[in-house]
Structures are given as C-alpha cells and as structure tokens.
Amino acid sequence: MKILAISGSARRLSTNTALLRALEEIAPPDIALTTCADLGGLPVFSPDLEDLPLHDSVVRFKQCIEASDGILISSPEYARGIPGGLKNAMDWLVSGDLVVAKPIALVHASHRGDDMLASLRLVLSTISSRFNEELFLRFPFMKMEPEAIASAVRQPVNRAPAEAFLQEFARYCGRPQGDRA
C-alpha cells in the first residue's frame, strides 16, 4: 500500500511534517508512507496555467498523487484557516480526476486548529468522494521539536493508536468506493 502524506506547513521545523515523518518510521512493512513537505515550490494556481506545459513542481506533485493508493494530510492552522500553500496545492487538483476517488484522511499535530480542520474537511469532501472524516489521528504535539515528536510517537501510548490508524486507513484504501465500513 502506497500512502502519500502531505504536510500543509512550509516551516522547516514543522510539527505536522515531523508527525508525518514519525508515522513513516513506525508504519507497518506493508505500508509505504512517503511525506511530501515541499508545497511551497508550487506556483500559484491559475486555470490559465493548465493550458500551458505545467511547471515541473506541479508535474511531480501530480505524479506523487497519482502513484499513491491514499493520501494523509496534516496541517497547521493559520489565522483560523487552511495555509495558503496547502490550499494552492489542492487547487492544482480540482480540475482533474486524480483525487476524485482517492481515499483521504486527516492527521493533526495539535490540540488546536478546529476551524482550519472544519474548512479542510469541507474542501476535501468537495474534491474527493473518498474523503473519510471519521478516520482521524490527533496528537497534542504543538511547539515540540521534530525529534521529541518522533520519540513521543514511538512511545507505546502513542504508537498503538498511530499504527491502528495507519492500518485502518490502509484497509479503507483497499475497499471499493462507497464502502466506508
């Protein structure tokens, strides 16, 4: 199972990116989890640009989406909303069919951010018929350094729910469209 983990943060020491990388580390052998944390390199979306040869960063991003069996997204909240880089990345996907039936779930590295999560859920349920809002993994890691996050995820109290979440998401990715059970 190939899962693409997208970080909505462009910050070098992002807690969301650190959480996704920690999940990579503990993922079961049958789950290949790859983190994409370079959304800042995408040009600002415009439908006019879709008629031109796409920028290399857009081509690579779309190839990563296409090659995945499912997508996990972890993002900070900026001014109670979705960070611009993440929203821009999603805008690059709306006119095609790459995510229409792609399984998507959320991971969150903070005890805060509910306004952003509500907005993100609305956007994801609009662009993918397989966004599963019931599958959700959240840890209160805000303001922690990446190595501290990795260490915390390795602790049994956090590792068990993280592994269970990854396995459940992988099962969801393998189910036929329309089957959420």
C-alpha atoms as a PDB file:
ATOM      1  CA  MET A   1       0.000   0.000   0.000  1.00  0.00           C
ATOM      2  CA  LYS A   2       1.458   3.363  -1.063  1.00  0.00           C
ATOM      3  CA  ILE A   3       0.308   6.304   1.032  1.00  0.00           C
ATOM      4  CA  LEU A   4       1.290   9.894   0.347  1.00  0.00           C
ATOM      5  CA  ALA A   5       1.467  12.045   3.493  1.00  0.00           C
ATOM      6  CA  ILE A   6       1.132  15.753   2.696  1.00  0.00           C
ATOM      7  CA  SER A   7       2.241  18.404   5.156  1.00  0.00           C
ATOM      8  CA  GLY A   8       0.382  21.687   4.908  1.00  0.00           C
ATOM      9  CA  SER A   9       3.278  23.515   6.528  1.00  0.00           C
ATOM     10  CA  ALA A  10       6.210  25.155   4.782  1.00  0.00           C
ATOM     11  CA  ARG A  11       8.022  25.620   8.099  1.00  0.00           C
ATOM     12  CA  ARG A  12      11.409  23.901   8.344  1.00  0.00           C
ATOM     13  CA  LEU A  13      10.739  22.543  11.865  1.00  0.00           C
ATOM     14  CA  SER A  14       7.025  21.924  11.336  1.00  0.00           C
ATOM     15  CA  THR A  15       5.281  19.776  13.925  1.00  0.00           C
ATOM     16  CA  ASN A  16       2.960  18.474  11.204  1.00  0.00           C
ATOM     17  CA  THR A  17       5.841  17.403   8.978  1.00  0.00           C
ATOM     18  CA  ALA A  18       7.590  15.873  11.998  1.00  0.00           C
ATOM     19  CA  LEU A  19       4.457  13.900  12.865  1.00  0.00           C
ATOM     20  CA  LEU A  20       4.166  12.561   9.314  1.00  0.00           C
ATOM     21  CA  ARG A  21       7.852  11.587   9.264  1.00  0.00           C
ATOM     22  CA  ALA A  22       7.404   9.828  12.636  1.00  0.00           C
ATOM     23  CA  LEU A  23       4.476   7.901  11.153  1.00  0.00           C
ATOM     24  CA  GLU A  24       6.745   6.881   8.249  1.00  0.00           C
ATOM     25  CA  GLU A  25       9.141   5.455  10.819  1.00  0.00           C
ATOM     26  CA  ILE A  26       6.538   3.273  12.553  1.00  0.00           C
ATOM     27  CA  ALA A  27       4.461   2.307   9.510  1.00  0.00           C
ATOM     28  CA  PRO A  28       3.977  -1.457   9.140  1.00  0.00           C
ATOM     29  CA  PRO A  29       6.085  -3.105   6.406  1.00  0.00           C
ATOM     30  CA  ASP A  30       3.099  -3.409   4.061  1.00  0.00           C
ATOM     31  CA  ILE A  31       2.529   0.375   4.128  1.00  0.00           C
ATOM     32  CA  ALA A  32       4.949   2.574   2.209  1.00  0.00           C
ATOM     33  CA  LEU A  33       4.358   6.034   3.655  1.00  0.00           C
ATOM     34  CA  THR A  34       6.099   8.928   1.884  1.00  0.00           C
ATOM     35  CA  THR A  35       5.955  12.514   3.125  1.00  0.00           C
ATOM     36  CA  CYS A  36       5.559  15.463   0.771  1.00  0.00           C
ATOM     37  CA  ALA A  37       6.591  18.651   2.553  1.00  0.00           C
ATOM     38  CA  ASP A  38       7.506  20.939  -0.332  1.00  0.00           C
ATOM     39  CA  LEU A  39       4.225  22.562  -1.356  1.00  0.00           C
ATOM     40  CA  GLY A  40       5.894  25.979  -1.225  1.00  0.00           C
ATOM     41  CA  GLY A  41       7.555  25.243  -4.569  1.00  0.00           C
ATOM     42  CA  LEU A  42       4.250  25.075  -6.444  1.00  0.00           C
ATOM     43  CA  PRO A  43       3.366  28.161  -8.481  1.00  0.00           C
ATOM     44  CA  VAL A  44       0.176  29.975  -7.551  1.00  0.00           C
ATOM     45  CA  PHE A  45      -2.693  28.160  -9.250  1.00  0.00           C
ATOM     46  CA  SER A  46      -4.468  29.726 -12.196  1.00  0.00           C
ATOM     47  CA  PRO A  47      -6.686  27.853 -14.643  1.00  0.00           C
ATOM     48  CA  ASP A  48      -4.814  29.706 -17.417  1.00  0.00           C
ATOM     49  CA  LEU A  49      -1.630  27.818 -16.469  1.00  0.00           C
ATOM     50  CA  GLU A  50      -3.287  24.449 -17.075  1.00  0.00           C
ATOM     51  CA  ASP A  51      -3.270  25.102 -20.828  1.00  0.00           C
ATOM     52  CA  LEU A  52       0.497  25.598 -20.820  1.00  0.00           C
ATOM     53  CA  PRO A  53       3.166  22.992 -20.116  1.00  0.00           C
ATOM     54  CA  LEU A  54       2.931  22.524 -16.362  1.00  0.00           C
ATOM     55  CA  HIS A  55       5.718  23.677 -14.062  1.00  0.00           C
ATOM     56  CA  ASP A  56       7.998  20.775 -13.046  1.00  0.00           C
ATOM     57  CA  SER A  57       6.910  21.069  -9.404  1.00  0.00           C
ATOM     58  CA  VAL A  58       3.240  20.667 -10.395  1.00  0.00           C
ATOM     59  CA  VAL A  59       4.066  17.650 -12.588  1.00  0.00           C
ATOM     60  CA  ARG A  60       5.990  15.998  -9.708  1.00  0.00           C
ATOM     61  CA  PHE A  61       3.204  16.750  -7.226  1.00  0.00           C
ATOM     62  CA  LYS A  62       0.545  15.277  -9.508  1.00  0.00           C
ATOM     63  CA  GLN A  63       2.717  12.217 -10.168  1.00  0.00           C
ATOM     64  CA  CYS A  64       3.013  11.630  -6.400  1.00  0.00           C
ATOM     65  CA  ILE A  65      -0.763  11.911  -6.034  1.00  0.00           C
ATOM     66  CA  GLU A  66      -1.374   9.537  -8.948  1.00  0.00           C
ATOM     67  CA  ALA A  67       1.126   6.935  -7.675  1.00  0.00           C
ATOM     68  CA  SER A  68      -0.478   6.778  -4.222  1.00  0.00           C
ATOM     69  CA  ASP A  69      -3.255   4.492  -3.049  1.00  0.00           C
ATOM     70  CA  GLY A  70      -4.335   7.082  -0.496  1.00  0.00           C
ATOM     71  CA  ILE A  71      -3.458  10.472   0.981  1.00  0.00           C
ATOM     72  CA  LEU A  72      -2.970  11.619   4.565  1.00  0.00           C
ATOM     73  CA  ILE A  73      -2.898  15.365   5.225  1.00  0.00           C
ATOM     74  CA  SER A  74      -1.525  17.078   8.317  1.00  0.00           C
ATOM     75  CA  SER A  75      -1.654  20.855   8.517  1.00  0.00           C
ATOM     76  CA  PRO A  76      -1.311  23.748  10.914  1.00  0.00           C
ATOM     77  CA  GLU A  77      -3.982  26.408  11.280  1.00  0.00           C
ATOM     78  CA  TYR A  78      -3.019  29.880  10.037  1.00  0.00           C
ATOM     79  CA  ALA A  79      -5.331  32.717  11.078  1.00  0.00           C
ATOM     80  CA  ARG A  80      -8.059  30.108  11.707  1.00  0.00           C
ATOM     81  CA  GLY A  81      -7.796  28.833   8.134  1.00  0.00           C
ATOM     82  CA  ILE A  82      -6.021  26.489   5.733  1.00  0.00           C
ATOM     83  CA  PRO A  83      -2.431  27.554   4.988  1.00  0.00           C
ATOM     84  CA  GLY A  84      -2.129  29.136   1.538  1.00  0.00           C
ATOM     85  CA  GLY A  85       0.379  26.574   0.257  1.00  0.00           C
ATOM     86  CA  LEU A  86      -1.901  23.645   1.064  1.00  0.00           C
ATOM     87  CA  LYS A  87      -4.965  25.322  -0.425  1.00  0.00           C
ATOM     88  CA  ASN A  88      -2.928  26.169  -3.529  1.00  0.00           C
ATOM     89  CA  ALA A  89      -1.858  22.521  -3.864  1.00  0.00           C
ATOM     90  CA  MET A  90      -5.485  21.387  -3.634  1.00  0.00           C
ATOM     91  CA  ASP A  91      -6.458  23.974  -6.246  1.00  0.00           C
ATOM     92  CA  TRP A  92      -3.967  22.360  -8.644  1.00  0.00           C
ATOM     93  CA  LEU A  93      -6.000  19.132  -8.303  1.00  0.00           C
ATOM     94  CA  VAL A  94      -9.584  20.352  -8.713  1.00  0.00           C
ATOM     95  CA  SER A  95      -9.850  20.371 -12.488  1.00  0.00           C
ATOM     96  CA  GLY A  96      -8.558  16.823 -12.968  1.00  0.00           C
ATOM     97  CA  ASP A  97      -9.649  13.462 -11.693  1.00  0.00           C
ATOM     98  CA  LEU A  98      -6.568  12.490  -9.658  1.00  0.00           C
ATOM     99  CA  VAL A  99      -8.280  12.891  -6.283  1.00  0.00           C
ATOM    100  CA  VAL A 100     -11.926  12.409  -7.178  1.00  0.00           C
ATOM    101  CA  ALA A 101     -11.930   8.809  -5.904  1.00  0.00           C
ATOM    102  CA  LYS A 102      -8.679   8.916  -3.902  1.00  0.00           C
ATOM    103  CA  PRO A 103      -9.001   7.898  -0.238  1.00  0.00           C
ATOM    104  CA  ILE A 104      -8.038  10.803   2.022  1.00  0.00           C
ATOM    105  CA  ALA A 105      -7.867  11.165   5.810  1.00  0.00           C
ATOM    106  CA  LEU A 106      -6.518  13.727   8.257  1.00  0.00           C
ATOM    107  CA  VAL A 107      -3.765  13.683  10.841  1.00  0.00           C
ATOM    108  CA  HIS A 108      -3.242  16.619  13.191  1.00  0.00           C
ATOM    109  CA  ALA A 109      -0.312  17.574  15.417  1.00  0.00           C
ATOM    110  CA  SER A 110      -2.074  19.987  17.761  1.00  0.00           C
ATOM    111  CA  HIS A 111      -4.857  20.169  20.296  1.00  0.00           C
ATOM    112  CA  ARG A 112      -5.960  23.365  18.490  1.00  0.00           C
ATOM    113  CA  GLY A 113      -6.911  24.105  14.909  1.00  0.00           C
ATOM    114  CA  ASP A 114     -10.554  23.082  14.774  1.00  0.00           C
ATOM    115  CA  ASP A 115     -11.544  25.988  12.498  1.00  0.00           C
ATOM    116  CA  MET A 116      -8.920  25.001   9.933  1.00  0.00           C
ATOM    117  CA  LEU A 117      -9.907  21.345  10.222  1.00  0.00           C
ATOM    118  CA  ALA A 118     -13.552  22.237   9.537  1.00  0.00           C
ATOM    119  CA  SER A 119     -12.545  24.213   6.440  1.00  0.00           C
ATOM    120  CA  LEU A 120     -10.193  21.485   5.276  1.00  0.00           C
ATOM    121  CA  ARG A 121     -12.895  18.839   5.730  1.00  0.00           C
ATOM    122  CA  LEU A 122     -15.260  20.932   3.589  1.00  0.00           C
ATOM    123  CA  VAL A 123     -12.692  21.309   0.810  1.00  0.00           C
ATOM    124  CA  LEU A 124     -11.645  17.644   0.893  1.00  0.00           C
ATOM    125  CA  SER A 125     -15.228  16.389   0.844  1.00  0.00           C
ATOM    126  CA  THR A 126     -15.744  18.594  -2.212  1.00  0.00           C
ATOM    127  CA  ILE A 127     -12.760  17.328  -4.202  1.00  0.00           C
ATOM    128  CA  SER A 128     -12.809  13.626  -3.208  1.00  0.00           C
ATOM    129  CA  SER A 129     -15.717  11.242  -2.911  1.00  0.00           C
ATOM    130  CA  ARG A 130     -13.453   9.098  -0.704  1.00  0.00           C
ATOM    131  CA  PHE A 131     -12.511  11.643   1.945  1.00  0.00           C
ATOM    132  CA  ASN A 132     -13.169   9.847   5.226  1.00  0.00           C
ATOM    133  CA  GLU A 133     -13.693  12.335   8.009  1.00  0.00           C
ATOM    134  CA  GLU A 134     -14.241   9.606  10.593  1.00  0.00           C
ATOM    135  CA  LEU A 135     -10.647   8.393  10.190  1.00  0.00           C
ATOM    136  CA  PHE A 136      -8.666  10.981  12.143  1.00  0.00           C
ATOM    137  CA  LEU A 137      -5.461  10.850  14.175  1.00  0.00           C
ATOM    138  CA  ARG A 138      -4.605  13.716  16.524  1.00  0.00           C
ATOM    139  CA  PHE A 139      -1.775  14.306  18.971  1.00  0.00           C
ATOM    140  CA  PRO A 140      -1.089  17.408  21.133  1.00  0.00           C
ATOM    141  CA  PHE A 141       2.449  17.997  19.810  1.00  0.00           C
ATOM    142  CA  MET A 142       2.238  21.760  19.187  1.00  0.00           C
ATOM    143  CA  LYS A 143       5.564  23.565  19.740  1.00  0.00           C
ATOM    144  CA  MET A 144       7.521  20.318  20.122  1.00  0.00           C
ATOM    145  CA  GLU A 145      10.791  19.798  18.245  1.00  0.00           C
ATOM    146  CA  PRO A 146      10.833  17.127  15.491  1.00  0.00           C
ATOM    147  CA  GLU A 147      12.978  14.656  17.454  1.00  0.00           C
ATOM    148  CA  ALA A 148      10.720  15.000  20.504  1.00  0.00           C
ATOM    149  CA  ILE A 149       7.727  14.264  18.279  1.00  0.00           C
ATOM    150  CA  ALA A 150       9.425  11.182  16.818  1.00  0.00           C
ATOM    151  CA  SER A 151      10.246   9.997  20.327  1.00  0.00           C
ATOM    152  CA  ALA A 152       6.681  10.618  21.521  1.00  0.00           C
ATOM    153  CA  VAL A 153       5.208   8.670  18.579  1.00  0.00           C
ATOM    154  CA  ARG A 154       7.495   5.722  19.386  1.00  0.00           C
ATOM    155  CA  GLN A 155       6.077   5.551  22.932  1.00  0.00           C
ATOM    156  CA  PRO A 156       3.549   2.678  23.283  1.00  0.00           C
ATOM    157  CA  VAL A 157       0.756   5.009  24.400  1.00  0.00           C
ATOM    158  CA  ASN A 158       1.001   6.890  21.062  1.00  0.00           C
ATOM    159  CA  ARG A 159       2.431   4.192  18.811  1.00  0.00           C
ATOM    160  CA  ALA A 160      -0.505   1.802  19.277  1.00  0.00           C
ATOM    161  CA  PRO A 161      -3.195   4.277  18.125  1.00  0.00           C
ATOM    162  CA  ALA A 162      -0.922   5.558  15.329  1.00  0.00           C
ATOM    163  CA  GLU A 163      -0.314   2.046  13.995  1.00  0.00           C
ATOM    164  CA  ALA A 164      -4.019   1.205  14.309  1.00  0.00           C
ATOM    165  CA  PHE A 165      -4.889   4.384  12.392  1.00  0.00           C
ATOM    166  CA  LEU A 166      -2.426   3.556   9.597  1.00  0.00           C
ATOM    167  CA  GLN A 167      -3.751   0.013   9.323  1.00  0.00           C
ATOM    168  CA  GLU A 168      -7.364   1.178   9.261  1.00  0.00           C
ATOM    169  CA  PHE A 169      -6.551   3.787   6.607  1.00  0.00           C
ATOM    170  CA  ALA A 170      -4.769   1.144   4.511  1.00  0.00           C
ATOM    171  CA  ARG A 171      -7.851  -1.096   4.802  1.00  0.00           C
ATOM    172  CA  TYR A 172     -10.027   1.831   3.749  1.00  0.00           C
ATOM    173  CA  CYS A 173      -7.783   2.476   0.741  1.00  0.00           C
ATOM    174  CA  GLY A 174      -8.233  -1.153  -0.316  1.00  0.00           C
ATOM    175  CA  ARG A 175     -12.028  -1.098  -0.094  1.00  0.00           C
ATOM    176  CA  PRO A 176     -14.241  -0.458  -3.101  1.00  0.00           C
ATOM    177  CA  GLN A 177     -15.515   3.089  -3.495  1.00  0.00           C
ATOM    178  CA  GLY A 178     -18.635   3.703  -1.424  1.00  0.00           C
ATOM    179  CA  ASP A 179     -17.690   1.152   1.267  1.00  0.00           C
ATOM    180  CA  ARG A 180     -16.839   3.049   4.481  1.00  0.00           C
ATOM    181  CA  ALA A 181     -17.467   0.152   6.870  1.00  0.00           C
END
